[in-house]
Amino acid sequence: MSIVKINALTVPADQREVLEQRFAARKGFVESADGFEWFELLRPLEGSDRYLVYTRWRDEEAFQAWMNGPMKEAHQRAKGEDSGTEAKPAGSDAQPGGGERPKPAATDSETWSFEVVQQAPPKK
């Protein structure tokens, strides 16, 4: 079954709109990756300053291929480097179009990994 990667981003209240705009600008960046299945950006409603970036992948290999391919390349372009940088997970401040790298909207990030063991579609 699939795997899920959740990037928990700590985002101060004054940076929420910035984060959401950056994700909106990246639309389409991950959707064509081999093995990609789903993406959601989850905004906290109350009592938390953590956004959750949910992605689902066919398997760990597909996720790693994206992290070490398109994501790493975008991160390197954003830093103006050719090599020697480690890729960041979805929700990082790497810009797929390259260019000047803005200050990160998140003050902290933690990635959680899960294996899907059960799933159910809605009843019709």
PDB file of N, CA and C in Angstrom:
ATOM      1  N   MET A   1       0.830  -1.195   0.000  1.00  0.00           N
ATOM      2  CA  MET A   1       0.000   0.000   0.000  1.00  0.00           C
ATOM      3  C   MET A   1       0.869   1.250   0.000  1.00  0.00           C
ATOM      4  N   SER A   2       0.226   2.367  -0.090  1.00  0.00           N
ATOM      5  CA  SER A   2       0.882   3.667  -0.188  1.00  0.00           C
ATOM      6  C   SER A   2       1.587   4.062   1.100  1.00  0.00           C
ATOM      7  N   ILE A   3       2.422   5.105   0.968  1.00  0.00           N
ATOM      8  CA  ILE A   3       3.019   5.728   2.141  1.00  0.00           C
ATOM      9  C   ILE A   3       2.569   7.183   2.192  1.00  0.00           C
ATOM     10  N   VAL A   4       2.565   7.744   3.389  1.00  0.00           N
ATOM     11  CA  VAL A   4       2.178   9.132   3.606  1.00  0.00           C
ATOM     12  C   VAL A   4       3.344   9.859   4.248  1.00  0.00           C
ATOM     13  N   LYS A   5       3.622  11.054   3.751  1.00  0.00           N
ATOM     14  CA  LYS A   5       4.619  11.946   4.342  1.00  0.00           C
ATOM     15  C   LYS A   5       3.879  13.193   4.803  1.00  0.00           C
ATOM     16  N   ILE A   6       4.051  13.528   6.061  1.00  0.00           N
ATOM     17  CA  ILE A   6       3.436  14.735   6.611  1.00  0.00           C
ATOM     18  C   ILE A   6       4.554  15.639   7.098  1.00  0.00           C
ATOM     19  N   ASN A   7       4.594  16.838   6.549  1.00  0.00           N
ATOM     20  CA  ASN A   7       5.561  17.829   6.982  1.00  0.00           C
ATOM     21  C   ASN A   7       4.812  18.797   7.891  1.00  0.00           C
ATOM     22  N   ALA A   8       5.146  18.797   9.180  1.00  0.00           N
ATOM     23  CA  ALA A   8       4.512  19.685  10.157  1.00  0.00           C
ATOM     24  C   ALA A   8       5.323  20.972  10.212  1.00  0.00           C
ATOM     25  N   LEU A   9       4.715  22.068   9.768  1.00  0.00           N
ATOM     26  CA  LEU A   9       5.385  23.360   9.696  1.00  0.00           C
ATOM     27  C   LEU A   9       4.863  24.285  10.783  1.00  0.00           C
ATOM     28  N   THR A  10       5.744  24.813  11.613  1.00  0.00           N
ATOM     29  CA  THR A  10       5.367  25.817  12.602  1.00  0.00           C
ATOM     30  C   THR A  10       5.379  27.166  11.901  1.00  0.00           C
ATOM     31  N   VAL A  11       4.211  27.817  11.848  1.00  0.00           N
ATOM     32  CA  VAL A  11       4.067  29.057  11.087  1.00  0.00           C
ATOM     33  C   VAL A  11       3.457  30.130  11.986  1.00  0.00           C
ATOM     34  N   PRO A  12       4.191  31.217  12.257  1.00  0.00           N
ATOM     35  CA  PRO A  12       3.626  32.310  13.043  1.00  0.00           C
ATOM     36  C   PRO A  12       2.393  32.892  12.346  1.00  0.00           C
ATOM     37  N   ALA A  13       1.478  33.432  13.126  1.00  0.00           N
ATOM     38  CA  ALA A  13       0.219  33.959  12.586  1.00  0.00           C
ATOM     39  C   ALA A  13       0.449  34.966  11.461  1.00  0.00           C
ATOM     40  N   ASP A  14       1.470  35.808  11.587  1.00  0.00           N
ATOM     41  CA  ASP A  14       1.710  36.831  10.568  1.00  0.00           C
ATOM     42  C   ASP A  14       2.328  36.278   9.285  1.00  0.00           C
ATOM     43  N   GLN A  15       2.639  34.980   9.258  1.00  0.00           N
ATOM     44  CA  GLN A  15       3.225  34.358   8.069  1.00  0.00           C
ATOM     45  C   GLN A  15       2.287  33.359   7.390  1.00  0.00           C
ATOM     46  N   ARG A  16       1.100  33.162   7.953  1.00  0.00           N
ATOM     47  CA  ARG A  16       0.166  32.175   7.395  1.00  0.00           C
ATOM     48  C   ARG A  16      -0.190  32.469   5.942  1.00  0.00           C
ATOM     49  N   GLU A  17      -0.549  33.706   5.671  1.00  0.00           N
ATOM     50  CA  GLU A  17      -0.942  34.064   4.307  1.00  0.00           C
ATOM     51  C   GLU A  17       0.233  33.886   3.342  1.00  0.00           C
ATOM     52  N   VAL A  18       1.432  34.238   3.798  1.00  0.00           N
ATOM     53  CA  VAL A  18       2.631  34.067   2.975  1.00  0.00           C
ATOM     54  C   VAL A  18       2.816  32.597   2.616  1.00  0.00           C
ATOM     55  N   LEU A  19       2.719  31.724   3.611  1.00  0.00           N
ATOM     56  CA  LEU A  19       2.880  30.286   3.367  1.00  0.00           C
ATOM     57  C   LEU A  19       1.846  29.788   2.361  1.00  0.00           C
ATOM     58  N   GLU A  20       0.594  30.153   2.560  1.00  0.00           N
ATOM     59  CA  GLU A  20      -0.471  29.692   1.667  1.00  0.00           C
ATOM     60  C   GLU A  20      -0.267  30.205   0.244  1.00  0.00           C
ATOM     61  N   GLN A  21       0.191  31.444   0.104  1.00  0.00           N
ATOM     62  CA  GLN A  21       0.455  31.986  -1.230  1.00  0.00           C
ATOM     63  C   GLN A  21       1.603  31.249  -1.907  1.00  0.00           C
ATOM     64  N   ARG A  22       2.625  30.898  -1.138  1.00  0.00           N
ATOM     65  CA  ARG A  22       3.756  30.169  -1.722  1.00  0.00           C
ATOM     66  C   ARG A  22       3.325  28.789  -2.205  1.00  0.00           C
ATOM     67  N   PHE A  23       2.485  28.118  -1.434  1.00  0.00           N
ATOM     68  CA  PHE A  23       2.002  26.815  -1.882  1.00  0.00           C
ATOM     69  C   PHE A  23       1.124  26.966  -3.117  1.00  0.00           C
ATOM     70  N   ALA A  24       0.284  27.995  -3.158  1.00  0.00           N
ATOM     71  CA  ALA A  24      -0.565  28.224  -4.330  1.00  0.00           C
ATOM     72  C   ALA A  24       0.291  28.464  -5.573  1.00  0.00           C
ATOM     73  N   ALA A  25       1.400  29.169  -5.415  1.00  0.00           N
ATOM     74  CA  ALA A  25       2.289  29.457  -6.542  1.00  0.00           C
ATOM     75  C   ALA A  25       3.006  28.204  -7.034  1.00  0.00           C
ATOM     76  N   ARG A  26       3.128  27.200  -6.186  1.00  0.00           N
ATOM     77  CA  ARG A  26       3.826  25.958  -6.541  1.00  0.00           C
ATOM     78  C   ARG A  26       2.889  24.919  -7.147  1.00  0.00           C
ATOM     79  N   LYS A  27       1.620  25.247  -7.281  1.00  0.00           N
ATOM     80  CA  LYS A  27       0.656  24.270  -7.783  1.00  0.00           C
ATOM     81  C   LYS A  27       1.174  23.637  -9.071  1.00  0.00           C
ATOM     82  N   GLY A  28       1.125  22.312  -9.113  1.00  0.00           N
ATOM     83  CA  GLY A  28       1.592  21.573 -10.278  1.00  0.00           C
ATOM     84  C   GLY A  28       3.019  21.074 -10.152  1.00  0.00           C
ATOM     85  N   PHE A  29       3.749  21.524  -9.141  1.00  0.00           N
ATOM     86  CA  PHE A  29       5.153  21.143  -8.993  1.00  0.00           C
ATOM     87  C   PHE A  29       5.325  19.663  -8.674  1.00  0.00           C
ATOM     88  N   VAL A  30       4.481  19.114  -7.827  1.00  0.00           N
ATOM     89  CA  VAL A  30       4.634  17.717  -7.410  1.00  0.00           C
ATOM     90  C   VAL A  30       3.657  16.777  -8.130  1.00  0.00           C
ATOM     91  N   GLU A  31       2.574  17.313  -8.650  1.00  0.00           N
ATOM     92  CA  GLU A  31       1.486  16.491  -9.159  1.00  0.00           C
ATOM     93  C   GLU A  31       1.868  15.556 -10.303  1.00  0.00           C
ATOM     94  N   SER A  32       2.886  15.895 -11.062  1.00  0.00           N
ATOM     95  CA  SER A  32       3.272  15.044 -12.194  1.00  0.00           C
ATOM     96  C   SER A  32       4.386  14.055 -11.848  1.00  0.00           C
ATOM     97  N   ALA A  33       4.827  14.040 -10.596  1.00  0.00           N
ATOM     98  CA  ALA A  33       5.901  13.123 -10.191  1.00  0.00           C
ATOM     99  C   ALA A  33       5.424  11.674 -10.253  1.00  0.00           C
ATOM    100  N   ASP A  34       6.281  10.797 -10.745  1.00  0.00           N
ATOM    101  CA  ASP A  34       5.965   9.374 -10.789  1.00  0.00           C
ATOM    102  C   ASP A  34       5.726   8.863  -9.372  1.00  0.00           C
ATOM    103  N   GLY A  35       4.608   8.203  -9.157  1.00  0.00           N
ATOM    104  CA  GLY A  35       4.287   7.634  -7.854  1.00  0.00           C
ATOM    105  C   GLY A  35       3.554   8.574  -6.920  1.00  0.00           C
ATOM    106  N   PHE A  36       3.375   9.832  -7.328  1.00  0.00           N
ATOM    107  CA  PHE A  36       2.629  10.780  -6.500  1.00  0.00           C
ATOM    108  C   PHE A  36       1.151  10.427  -6.547  1.00  0.00           C
ATOM    109  N   GLU A  37       0.476  10.457  -5.385  1.00  0.00           N
ATOM    110  CA  GLU A  37      -0.948  10.114  -5.333  1.00  0.00           C
ATOM    111  C   GLU A  37      -1.841  11.231  -4.798  1.00  0.00           C
ATOM    112  N   TRP A  38      -1.363  12.040  -3.857  1.00  0.00           N
ATOM    113  CA  TRP A  38      -2.259  13.031  -3.259  1.00  0.00           C
ATOM    114  C   TRP A  38      -1.473  14.099  -2.524  1.00  0.00           C
ATOM    115  N   PHE A  39      -2.028  15.325  -2.479  1.00  0.00           N
ATOM    116  CA  PHE A  39      -1.459  16.443  -1.724  1.00  0.00           C
ATOM    117  C   PHE A  39      -2.580  17.202  -1.034  1.00  0.00           C
ATOM    118  N   GLU A  40      -2.324  17.637   0.184  1.00  0.00           N
ATOM    119  CA  GLU A  40      -3.219  18.558   0.888  1.00  0.00           C
ATOM    120  C   GLU A  40      -2.380  19.456   1.789  1.00  0.00           C
ATOM    121  N   LEU A  41      -2.720  20.740   1.817  1.00  0.00           N
ATOM    122  CA  LEU A  41      -2.150  21.679   2.781  1.00  0.00           C
ATOM    123  C   LEU A  41      -3.239  21.926   3.811  1.00  0.00           C
ATOM    124  N   LEU A  42      -2.964  21.568   5.061  1.00  0.00           N
ATOM    125  CA  LEU A  42      -3.964  21.659   6.126  1.00  0.00           C
ATOM    126  C   LEU A  42      -3.648  22.839   7.038  1.00  0.00           C
ATOM    127  N   ARG A  43      -4.600  23.783   7.121  1.00  0.00           N
ATOM    128  CA  ARG A  43      -4.459  24.972   7.965  1.00  0.00           C
ATOM    129  C   ARG A  43      -5.016  24.677   9.357  1.00  0.00           C
ATOM    130  N   PRO A  44      -4.283  25.056  10.415  1.00  0.00           N
ATOM    131  CA  PRO A  44      -4.806  24.833  11.768  1.00  0.00           C
ATOM    132  C   PRO A  44      -6.020  25.724  12.029  1.00  0.00           C
ATOM    133  N   LEU A  45      -6.999  25.188  12.730  1.00  0.00           N
ATOM    134  CA  LEU A  45      -8.201  25.957  13.040  1.00  0.00           C
ATOM    135  C   LEU A  45      -8.124  26.634  14.399  1.00  0.00           C
ATOM    136  N   GLU A  46      -7.601  25.921  15.384  1.00  0.00           N
ATOM    137  CA  GLU A  46      -7.543  26.513  16.719  1.00  0.00           C
ATOM    138  C   GLU A  46      -6.484  25.812  17.559  1.00  0.00           C
ATOM    139  N   GLY A  47      -5.847  26.581  18.426  1.00  0.00           N
ATOM    140  CA  GLY A  47      -4.931  26.005  19.394  1.00  0.00           C
ATOM    141  C   GLY A  47      -3.606  25.500  18.858  1.00  0.00           C
ATOM    142  N   SER A  48      -3.272  25.822  17.616  1.00  0.00           N
ATOM    143  CA  SER A  48      -2.010  25.344  17.064  1.00  0.00           C
ATOM    144  C   SER A  48      -1.494  26.329  16.026  1.00  0.00           C
ATOM    145  N   ASP A  49      -0.188  26.376  15.895  1.00  0.00           N
ATOM    146  CA  ASP A  49       0.428  27.191  14.847  1.00  0.00           C
ATOM    147  C   ASP A  49       1.114  26.300  13.812  1.00  0.00           C
ATOM    148  N   ARG A  50       0.700  25.029  13.756  1.00  0.00           N
ATOM    149  CA  ARG A  50       1.327  24.070  12.847  1.00  0.00           C
ATOM    150  C   ARG A  50       0.426  23.739  11.660  1.00  0.00           C
ATOM    151  N   TYR A  51       0.937  24.047  10.493  1.00  0.00           N
ATOM    152  CA  TYR A  51       0.317  23.594   9.250  1.00  0.00           C
ATOM    153  C   TYR A  51       0.809  22.179   8.985  1.00  0.00           C
ATOM    154  N   LEU A  52      -0.026  21.365   8.365  1.00  0.00           N
ATOM    155  CA  LEU A  52       0.391  20.028   7.966  1.00  0.00           C
ATOM    156  C   LEU A  52       0.365  19.937   6.446  1.00  0.00           C
ATOM    157  N   VAL A  53       1.470  19.495   5.876  1.00  0.00           N
ATOM    158  CA  VAL A  53       1.573  19.271   4.441  1.00  0.00           C
ATOM    159  C   VAL A  53       1.504  17.764   4.247  1.00  0.00           C
ATOM    160  N   TYR A  54       0.395  17.307   3.676  1.00  0.00           N
ATOM    161  CA  TYR A  54       0.123  15.873   3.519  1.00  0.00           C
ATOM    162  C   TYR A  54       0.393  15.480   2.077  1.00  0.00           C
ATOM    163  N   THR A  55       1.282  14.513   1.877  1.00  0.00           N
ATOM    164  CA  THR A  55       1.458  13.928   0.548  1.00  0.00           C
ATOM    165  C   THR A  55       1.403  12.413   0.669  1.00  0.00           C
ATOM    166  N   ARG A  56       0.802  11.791  -0.332  1.00  0.00           N
ATOM    167  CA  ARG A  56       0.724  10.323  -0.371  1.00  0.00           C
ATOM    168  C   ARG A  56       1.432   9.854  -1.639  1.00  0.00           C
ATOM    169  N   TRP A  57       2.209   8.779  -1.487  1.00  0.00           N
ATOM    170  CA  TRP A  57       3.041   8.255  -2.564  1.00  0.00           C
ATOM    171  C   TRP A  57       2.817   6.758  -2.728  1.00  0.00           C
ATOM    172  N   ARG A  58       3.059   6.261  -3.923  1.00  0.00           N
ATOM    173  CA  ARG A  58       2.941   4.828  -4.209  1.00  0.00           C
ATOM    174  C   ARG A  58       3.825   4.018  -3.261  1.00  0.00           C
ATOM    175  N   ASP A  59       5.054   4.489  -3.040  1.00  0.00           N
ATOM    176  CA  ASP A  59       5.998   3.799  -2.159  1.00  0.00           C
ATOM    177  C   ASP A  59       7.127   4.759  -1.780  1.00  0.00           C
ATOM    178  N   GLU A  60       7.975   4.327  -0.876  1.00  0.00           N
ATOM    179  CA  GLU A  60       9.105   5.151  -0.415  1.00  0.00           C
ATOM    180  C   GLU A  60      10.050   5.482  -1.563  1.00  0.00           C
ATOM    181  N   GLU A  61      10.237   4.545  -2.476  1.00  0.00           N
ATOM    182  CA  GLU A  61      11.136   4.765  -3.602  1.00  0.00           C
ATOM    183  C   GLU A  61      10.659   5.928  -4.474  1.00  0.00           C
ATOM    184  N   ALA A  62       9.353   6.022  -4.711  1.00  0.00           N
ATOM    185  CA  ALA A  62       8.814   7.121  -5.515  1.00  0.00           C
ATOM    186  C   ALA A  62       9.040   8.459  -4.811  1.00  0.00           C
ATOM    187  N   PHE A  63       8.802   8.488  -3.511  1.00  0.00           N
ATOM    188  CA  PHE A  63       9.029   9.716  -2.744  1.00  0.00           C
ATOM    189  C   PHE A  63      10.502  10.120  -2.800  1.00  0.00           C
ATOM    190  N   GLN A  64      11.395   9.160  -2.567  1.00  0.00           N
ATOM    191  CA  GLN A  64      12.829   9.463  -2.575  1.00  0.00           C
ATOM    192  C   GLN A  64      13.294   9.915  -3.962  1.00  0.00           C
ATOM    193  N   ALA A  65      12.744   9.319  -5.011  1.00  0.00           N
ATOM    194  CA  ALA A  65      13.102   9.729  -6.373  1.00  0.00           C
ATOM    195  C   ALA A  65      12.717  11.186  -6.598  1.00  0.00           C
ATOM    196  N   TRP A  66      11.555  11.600  -6.106  1.00  0.00           N
ATOM    197  CA  TRP A  66      11.135  12.997  -6.238  1.00  0.00           C
ATOM    198  C   TRP A  66      12.018  13.909  -5.390  1.00  0.00           C
ATOM    199  N   MET A  67      12.297  13.487  -4.156  1.00  0.00           N
ATOM    200  CA  MET A  67      13.139  14.292  -3.261  1.00  0.00           C
ATOM    201  C   MET A  67      14.541  14.479  -3.830  1.00  0.00           C
ATOM    202  N   ASN A  68      15.088  13.437  -4.440  1.00  0.00           N
ATOM    203  CA  ASN A  68      16.458  13.492  -4.947  1.00  0.00           C
ATOM    204  C   ASN A  68      16.536  13.940  -6.397  1.00  0.00           C
ATOM    205  N   GLY A  69      15.382  14.198  -7.013  1.00  0.00           N
ATOM    206  CA  GLY A  69      15.335  14.665  -8.393  1.00  0.00           C
ATOM    207  C   GLY A  69      14.787  16.080  -8.451  1.00  0.00           C
ATOM    208  N   PRO A  70      13.508  16.238  -8.831  1.00  0.00           N
ATOM    209  CA  PRO A  70      12.924  17.567  -9.000  1.00  0.00           C
ATOM    210  C   PRO A  70      12.992  18.456  -7.752  1.00  0.00           C
ATOM    211  N   MET A  71      12.739  17.906  -6.578  1.00  0.00           N
ATOM    212  CA  MET A  71      12.759  18.731  -5.368  1.00  0.00           C
ATOM    213  C   MET A  71      14.168  19.223  -5.066  1.00  0.00           C
ATOM    214  N   LYS A  72      15.137  18.351  -5.180  1.00  0.00           N
ATOM    215  CA  LYS A  72      16.531  18.731  -4.909  1.00  0.00           C
ATOM    216  C   LYS A  72      17.009  19.764  -5.928  1.00  0.00           C
ATOM    217  N   GLU A  73      16.660  19.553  -7.195  1.00  0.00           N
ATOM    218  CA  GLU A  73      17.053  20.501  -8.241  1.00  0.00           C
ATOM    219  C   GLU A  73      16.460  21.880  -7.981  1.00  0.00           C
ATOM    220  N   ALA A  74      15.187  21.937  -7.591  1.00  0.00           N
ATOM    221  CA  ALA A  74      14.546  23.219  -7.295  1.00  0.00           C
ATOM    222  C   ALA A  74      15.212  23.889  -6.101  1.00  0.00           C
ATOM    223  N   HIS A  75      15.540  23.103  -5.100  1.00  0.00           N
ATOM    224  CA  HIS A  75      16.199  23.634  -3.909  1.00  0.00           C
ATOM    225  C   HIS A  75      17.570  24.203  -4.279  1.00  0.00           C
ATOM    226  N   GLN A  76      18.314  23.497  -5.109  1.00  0.00           N
ATOM    227  CA  GLN A  76      19.635  23.969  -5.521  1.00  0.00           C
ATOM    228  C   GLN A  76      19.535  25.230  -6.368  1.00  0.00           C
ATOM    229  N   ARG A  77      18.562  25.278  -7.281  1.00  0.00           N
ATOM    230  CA  ARG A  77      18.373  26.484  -8.098  1.00  0.00           C
ATOM    231  C   ARG A  77      18.048  27.676  -7.217  1.00  0.00           C
ATOM    232  N   ALA A  78      17.219  27.448  -6.204  1.00  0.00           N
ATOM    233  CA  ALA A  78      16.832  28.534  -5.309  1.00  0.00           C
ATOM    234  C   ALA A  78      18.032  29.059  -4.529  1.00  0.00           C
ATOM    235  N   LYS A  79      18.970  28.181  -4.229  1.00  0.00           N
ATOM    236  CA  LYS A  79      20.178  28.593  -3.509  1.00  0.00           C
ATOM    237  C   LYS A  79      21.270  29.065  -4.461  1.00  0.00           C
ATOM    238  N   GLY A  80      21.080  28.856  -5.763  1.00  0.00           N
ATOM    239  CA  GLY A  80      22.093  29.235  -6.731  1.00  0.00           C
ATOM    240  C   GLY A  80      23.297  28.320  -6.713  1.00  0.00           C
ATOM    241  N   GLU A  81      23.069  27.045  -6.391  1.00  0.00           N
ATOM    242  CA  GLU A  81      24.154  26.080  -6.298  1.00  0.00           C
ATOM    243  C   GLU A  81      23.961  24.977  -7.323  1.00  0.00           C
ATOM    244  N   ASP A  82      25.043  24.264  -7.614  1.00  0.00           N
ATOM    245  CA  ASP A  82      24.980  23.135  -8.529  1.00  0.00           C
ATOM    246  C   ASP A  82      24.890  21.811  -7.810  1.00  0.00           C
ATOM    247  N   SER A  83      25.472  21.720  -6.607  1.00  0.00           N
ATOM    248  CA  SER A  83      25.468  20.449  -5.899  1.00  0.00           C
ATOM    249  C   SER A  83      25.783  20.683  -4.435  1.00  0.00           C
ATOM    250  N   GLY A  84      25.749  19.579  -3.668  1.00  0.00           N
ATOM    251  CA  GLY A  84      26.164  19.633  -2.281  1.00  0.00           C
ATOM    252  C   GLY A  84      25.106  20.096  -1.311  1.00  0.00           C
ATOM    253  N   THR A  85      23.855  20.176  -1.725  1.00  0.00           N
ATOM    254  CA  THR A  85      22.807  20.546  -0.788  1.00  0.00           C
ATOM    255  C   THR A  85      21.879  19.371  -0.604  1.00  0.00           C
ATOM    256  N   GLU A  86      21.274  19.328   0.545  1.00  0.00           N
ATOM    257  CA  GLU A  86      20.326  18.256   0.838  1.00  0.00           C
ATOM    258  C   GLU A  86      18.925  18.757   0.531  1.00  0.00           C
ATOM    259  N   ALA A  87      18.125  17.935  -0.098  1.00  0.00           N
ATOM    260  CA  ALA A  87      16.756  18.317  -0.437  1.00  0.00           C
ATOM    261  C   ALA A  87      15.924  18.462   0.823  1.00  0.00           C
ATOM    262  N   LYS A  88      14.963  19.382   0.759  1.00  0.00           N
ATOM    263  CA  LYS A  88      14.017  19.548   1.852  1.00  0.00           C
ATOM    264  C   LYS A  88      12.687  18.963   1.431  1.00  0.00           C
ATOM    265  N   PRO A  89      11.884  18.501   2.389  1.00  0.00           N
ATOM    266  CA  PRO A  89      10.587  17.944   2.045  1.00  0.00           C
ATOM    267  C   PRO A  89       9.605  19.002   1.565  1.00  0.00           C
ATOM    268  N   ALA A  90       8.491  18.513   1.056  1.00  0.00           N
ATOM    269  CA  ALA A  90       7.446  19.415   0.604  1.00  0.00           C
ATOM    270  C   ALA A  90       7.144  20.423   1.682  1.00  0.00           C
ATOM    271  N   GLY A  91       6.960  21.685   1.263  1.00  0.00           N
ATOM    272  CA  GLY A  91       6.691  22.727   2.229  1.00  0.00           C
ATOM    273  C   GLY A  91       7.918  23.505   2.607  1.00  0.00           C
ATOM    274  N   SER A  92       9.060  23.151   2.088  1.00  0.00           N
ATOM    275  CA  SER A  92      10.268  23.904   2.372  1.00  0.00           C
ATOM    276  C   SER A  92      10.203  25.224   1.628  1.00  0.00           C
ATOM    277  N   ASP A  93      11.249  26.017   1.770  1.00  0.00           N
ATOM    278  CA  ASP A  93      11.271  27.316   1.124  1.00  0.00           C
ATOM    279  C   ASP A  93      11.945  27.293  -0.243  1.00  0.00           C
ATOM    280  N   ALA A  94      12.250  26.107  -0.776  1.00  0.00           N
ATOM    281  CA  ALA A  94      12.823  26.026  -2.118  1.00  0.00           C
ATOM    282  C   ALA A  94      11.784  26.481  -3.132  1.00  0.00           C
ATOM    283  N   GLN A  95      12.215  27.249  -4.119  1.00  0.00           N
ATOM    284  CA  GLN A  95      11.310  27.761  -5.132  1.00  0.00           C
ATOM    285  C   GLN A  95      11.564  27.034  -6.442  1.00  0.00           C
ATOM    286  N   PRO A  96      10.552  26.382  -7.022  1.00  0.00           N
ATOM    287  CA  PRO A  96      10.764  25.614  -8.236  1.00  0.00           C
ATOM    288  C   PRO A  96      11.231  26.454  -9.410  1.00  0.00           C
ATOM    289  N   GLY A  97      10.930  27.734  -9.428  1.00  0.00           N
ATOM    290  CA  GLY A  97      11.354  28.588 -10.526  1.00  0.00           C
ATOM    291  C   GLY A  97      12.729  29.183 -10.320  1.00  0.00           C
ATOM    292  N   GLY A  98      13.347  28.920  -9.173  1.00  0.00           N
ATOM    293  CA  GLY A  98      14.651  29.494  -8.883  1.00  0.00           C
ATOM    294  C   GLY A  98      14.517  30.949  -8.496  1.00  0.00           C
ATOM    295  N   GLY A  99      15.601  31.682  -8.587  1.00  0.00           N
ATOM    296  CA  GLY A  99      15.576  33.097  -8.274  1.00  0.00           C
ATOM    297  C   GLY A  99      15.904  33.376  -6.825  1.00  0.00           C
ATOM    298  N   GLU A 100      15.725  34.643  -6.449  1.00  0.00           N
ATOM    299  CA  GLU A 100      16.018  35.070  -5.084  1.00  0.00           C
ATOM    300  C   GLU A 100      15.168  34.291  -4.099  1.00  0.00           C
ATOM    301  N   ARG A 101      15.800  33.781  -3.071  1.00  0.00           N
ATOM    302  CA  ARG A 101      15.104  32.935  -2.103  1.00  0.00           C
ATOM    303  C   ARG A 101      14.554  33.791  -0.968  1.00  0.00           C
ATOM    304  N   PRO A 102      13.231  33.827  -0.802  1.00  0.00           N
ATOM    305  CA  PRO A 102      12.645  34.622   0.276  1.00  0.00           C
ATOM    306  C   PRO A 102      12.843  33.956   1.632  1.00  0.00           C
ATOM    307  N   LYS A 103      12.655  34.744   2.660  1.00  0.00           N
ATOM    308  CA  LYS A 103      12.737  34.229   4.029  1.00  0.00           C
ATOM    309  C   LYS A 103      11.665  33.153   4.220  1.00  0.00           C
ATOM    310  N   PRO A 104      12.010  32.037   4.874  1.00  0.00           N
ATOM    311  CA  PRO A 104      11.009  30.985   5.110  1.00  0.00           C
ATOM    312  C   PRO A 104       9.823  31.509   5.926  1.00  0.00           C
ATOM    313  N   ALA A 105       8.628  31.059   5.588  1.00  0.00           N
ATOM    314  CA  ALA A 105       7.438  31.427   6.354  1.00  0.00           C
ATOM    315  C   ALA A 105       7.348  30.604   7.631  1.00  0.00           C
ATOM    316  N   ALA A 106       7.890  29.401   7.602  1.00  0.00           N
ATOM    317  CA  ALA A 106       7.858  28.513   8.768  1.00  0.00           C
ATOM    318  C   ALA A 106       9.107  28.722   9.620  1.00  0.00           C
ATOM    319  N   THR A 107       8.931  28.612  10.933  1.00  0.00           N
ATOM    320  CA  THR A 107      10.066  28.737  11.847  1.00  0.00           C
ATOM    321  C   THR A 107      10.624  27.381  12.254  1.00  0.00           C
ATOM    322  N   ASP A 108       9.897  26.307  11.959  1.00  0.00           N
ATOM    323  CA  ASP A 108      10.344  24.960  12.295  1.00  0.00           C
ATOM    324  C   ASP A 108       9.625  23.974  11.380  1.00  0.00           C
ATOM    325  N   SER A 109      10.236  22.819  11.192  1.00  0.00           N
ATOM    326  CA  SER A 109       9.661  21.800  10.321  1.00  0.00           C
ATOM    327  C   SER A 109      10.038  20.425  10.840  1.00  0.00           C
ATOM    328  N   GLU A 110       9.080  19.522  10.781  1.00  0.00           N
ATOM    329  CA  GLU A 110       9.310  18.135  11.189  1.00  0.00           C
ATOM    330  C   GLU A 110       8.559  17.240  10.214  1.00  0.00           C
ATOM    331  N   THR A 111       9.215  16.195   9.716  1.00  0.00           N
ATOM    332  CA  THR A 111       8.578  15.293   8.763  1.00  0.00           C
ATOM    333  C   THR A 111       8.237  13.972   9.433  1.00  0.00           C
ATOM    334  N   TRP A 112       7.001  13.540   9.239  1.00  0.00           N
ATOM    335  CA  TRP A 112       6.519  12.264   9.775  1.00  0.00           C
ATOM    336  C   TRP A 112       6.236  11.334   8.602  1.00  0.00           C
ATOM    337  N   SER A 113       6.517  10.050   8.777  1.00  0.00           N
ATOM    338  CA  SER A 113       6.279   9.057   7.728  1.00  0.00           C
ATOM    339  C   SER A 113       5.333   7.980   8.237  1.00  0.00           C
ATOM    340  N   PHE A 114       4.402   7.584   7.369  1.00  0.00           N
ATOM    341  CA  PHE A 114       3.414   6.568   7.716  1.00  0.00           C
ATOM    342  C   PHE A 114       3.221   5.619   6.547  1.00  0.00           C
ATOM    343  N   GLU A 115       2.837   4.395   6.861  1.00  0.00           N
ATOM    344  CA  GLU A 115       2.425   3.432   5.852  1.00  0.00           C
ATOM    345  C   GLU A 115       0.910   3.292   5.954  1.00  0.00           C
ATOM    346  N   VAL A 116       0.224   3.357   4.832  1.00  0.00           N
ATOM    347  CA  VAL A 116      -1.226   3.175   4.824  1.00  0.00           C
ATOM    348  C   VAL A 116      -1.504   1.689   5.017  1.00  0.00           C
ATOM    349  N   VAL A 117      -2.226   1.347   6.082  1.00  0.00           N
ATOM    350  CA  VAL A 117      -2.547  -0.061   6.337  1.00  0.00           C
ATOM    351  C   VAL A 117      -4.022  -0.362   6.102  1.00  0.00           C
ATOM    352  N   GLN A 118      -4.861   0.660   6.143  1.00  0.00           N
ATOM    353  CA  GLN A 118      -6.281   0.507   5.813  1.00  0.00           C
ATOM    354  C   GLN A 118      -6.758   1.790   5.172  1.00  0.00           C
ATOM    355  N   GLN A 119      -7.706   1.661   4.266  1.00  0.00           N
ATOM    356  CA  GLN A 119      -8.356   2.823   3.669  1.00  0.00           C
ATOM    357  C   GLN A 119      -9.760   2.430   3.244  1.00  0.00           C
ATOM    358  N   ALA A 120     -10.628   3.417   3.149  1.00  0.00           N
ATOM    359  CA  ALA A 120     -12.015   3.145   2.762  1.00  0.00           C
ATOM    360  C   ALA A 120     -12.552   4.316   1.955  1.00  0.00           C
ATOM    361  N   PRO A 121     -13.136   4.028   0.794  1.00  0.00           N
ATOM    362  CA  PRO A 121     -13.794   5.090   0.031  1.00  0.00           C
ATOM    363  C   PRO A 121     -15.162   5.387   0.644  1.00  0.00           C
ATOM    364  N   PRO A 122     -15.756   6.525   0.304  1.00  0.00           N
ATOM    365  CA  PRO A 122     -17.096   6.816   0.817  1.00  0.00           C
ATOM    366  C   PRO A 122     -18.118   5.811   0.288  1.00  0.00           C
ATOM    367  N   LYS A 123     -19.134   5.524   1.090  1.00  0.00           N
ATOM    368  CA  LYS A 123     -20.220   4.643   0.638  1.00  0.00           C
ATOM    369  C   LYS A 123     -21.116   5.417  -0.298  1.00  0.00           C
ATOM    370  N   LYS A 124     -21.635   4.714  -1.290  1.00  0.00           N
ATOM    371  CA  LYS A 124     -22.525   5.373  -2.263  1.00  0.00           C
ATOM    372  C   LYS A 124     -23.955   5.081  -1.965  1.00  0.00           C
TER     373      LYS A 124
END
